[in-house]
Amino acid sequence: MATTQTQTGRELLGLFPPGTTRDGSGGLVIGGVPAAELAESYGTPALILDEASVRARARRYADGLAARWPNSRTVFASKAFPAPPSSGCSRRRASASTWPAAAS
């Protein structure tokens, strides 16, 4: 059975954060922002993080850990690429009561 271009396109969207879509002209939309606009603003190549997706994945991880080990604590750590925007997201959420503690 041959894979159609539409099927391949849907499969490729799975490589991007949840909620990534295509706009009416087929352009990629990440976190509600067209990828073309991101490229114009930040150049290419660019590492694009969808903050909502990162937060959701971290929350699922923290919840799963707490369900198995109630006395556990999750923290943010960075080794090779301490990107200020991504670590800033963790620090901002660390002060919220619904987010695991974070350290940088």
Protein backbone atom coordinates (compact mmCIF):
# COMPACT_ATOMS: atom_id res chain seq x y z
CA MET A 1 0.00 0.00 0.00
CA ALA A 2 1.52 3.30 -1.07
CA THR A 3 1.71 6.17 1.39
CA THR A 4 0.00 9.29 0.12
CA GLN A 5 1.52 12.74 0.47
CA THR A 6 -1.29 13.71 2.89
CA GLN A 7 -0.57 10.72 5.13
CA THR A 8 3.14 11.52 5.11
CA GLY A 9 2.42 15.15 6.00
CA ARG A 10 0.28 14.08 8.98
CA GLU A 11 2.97 11.68 10.10
CA LEU A 12 5.61 14.40 9.90
CA LEU A 13 3.49 16.69 12.10
CA GLY A 14 4.05 14.10 14.82
CA LEU A 15 7.70 15.20 14.92
CA PHE A 16 6.62 18.61 16.19
CA PRO A 17 5.05 19.65 19.50
CA PRO A 18 1.43 18.60 20.09
CA GLY A 19 -0.95 21.10 18.53
CA THR A 20 1.34 21.85 15.59
CA THR A 21 -0.77 22.30 12.47
CA ARG A 22 -0.64 23.51 8.91
CA ASP A 23 -2.23 26.74 7.77
CA GLY A 24 -4.42 27.16 4.68
CA SER A 25 -1.41 27.35 2.37
CA GLY A 26 0.30 24.30 3.91
CA GLY A 27 2.73 26.28 6.07
CA LEU A 28 3.73 24.91 9.45
CA VAL A 29 2.18 26.54 12.55
CA ILE A 30 3.95 25.89 15.87
CA GLY A 31 2.40 27.12 19.10
CA GLY A 32 -0.06 29.19 17.12
CA VAL A 33 2.71 31.03 15.22
CA PRO A 34 3.45 30.37 11.55
CA ALA A 35 6.94 28.93 11.13
CA ALA A 36 7.59 31.43 8.34
CA GLU A 37 7.12 34.28 10.84
CA LEU A 38 9.47 32.59 13.29
CA ALA A 39 12.08 32.24 10.55
CA GLU A 40 11.70 35.91 9.59
CA SER A 41 12.02 37.02 13.21
CA TYR A 42 14.82 34.73 14.40
CA GLY A 43 16.49 33.44 11.25
CA THR A 44 17.25 29.84 10.42
CA PRO A 45 18.19 27.41 11.68
CA ALA A 46 16.33 28.06 14.90
CA LEU A 47 15.43 25.94 17.90
CA ILE A 48 11.75 26.57 18.53
CA LEU A 49 10.15 25.48 21.81
CA ASP A 50 6.40 25.57 22.28
CA GLU A 51 6.13 26.66 25.92
CA ALA A 52 2.67 25.16 26.40
CA SER A 53 3.92 21.80 25.11
CA VAL A 54 7.03 21.87 27.30
CA ARG A 55 4.93 22.72 30.35
CA ALA A 56 2.41 19.95 29.58
CA ARG A 57 5.15 17.34 29.17
CA ALA A 58 6.86 18.44 32.38
CA ARG A 59 3.55 18.32 34.23
CA ARG A 60 2.85 14.77 32.97
CA TYR A 61 6.33 13.72 34.05
CA ALA A 62 6.00 15.31 37.50
CA ASP A 63 2.53 13.85 38.02
CA GLY A 64 3.70 10.38 36.98
CA LEU A 65 6.70 10.58 39.27
CA ALA A 66 4.58 11.77 42.21
CA ALA A 67 2.06 8.97 41.61
CA ARG A 68 4.81 6.37 41.94
CA TRP A 69 6.97 8.09 44.55
CA PRO A 70 4.88 10.60 46.55
CA ASN A 71 7.90 12.13 48.31
CA SER A 72 9.71 12.84 45.05
CA ARG A 73 10.58 16.27 43.76
CA THR A 74 11.29 17.25 40.16
CA VAL A 75 13.83 19.93 39.30
CA PHE A 76 15.04 21.58 36.12
CA ALA A 77 18.66 21.04 35.18
CA SER A 78 20.65 22.00 32.13
CA LYS A 79 23.99 20.73 30.99
CA ALA A 80 24.93 21.43 27.39
CA PHE A 81 22.58 24.19 26.26
CA PRO A 82 21.29 26.42 29.07
CA ALA A 83 18.97 28.52 26.90
CA PRO A 84 17.78 31.46 29.03
CA PRO A 85 14.21 31.43 27.64
CA SER A 86 13.67 27.75 28.42
CA SER A 87 15.22 27.92 31.88
CA GLY A 88 13.24 31.11 32.52
CA CYS A 89 10.04 29.18 31.86
CA SER A 90 11.03 26.68 34.52
CA ARG A 91 11.95 29.38 37.02
CA ARG A 92 8.67 31.24 36.46
CA ARG A 93 6.67 28.09 36.98
CA ALA A 94 8.69 27.10 40.05
CA SER A 95 7.00 29.83 42.03
CA ALA A 96 3.54 28.60 41.03
CA SER A 97 1.93 26.18 43.44
CA THR A 98 0.98 23.78 40.64
CA TRP A 99 4.50 23.31 39.29
CA PRO A 100 7.39 21.22 40.59
CA ALA A 101 10.30 23.08 42.13
CA ALA A 102 13.02 24.14 39.71
CA ALA A 103 16.67 24.95 39.97
CA SER A 104 19.04 26.30 37.38
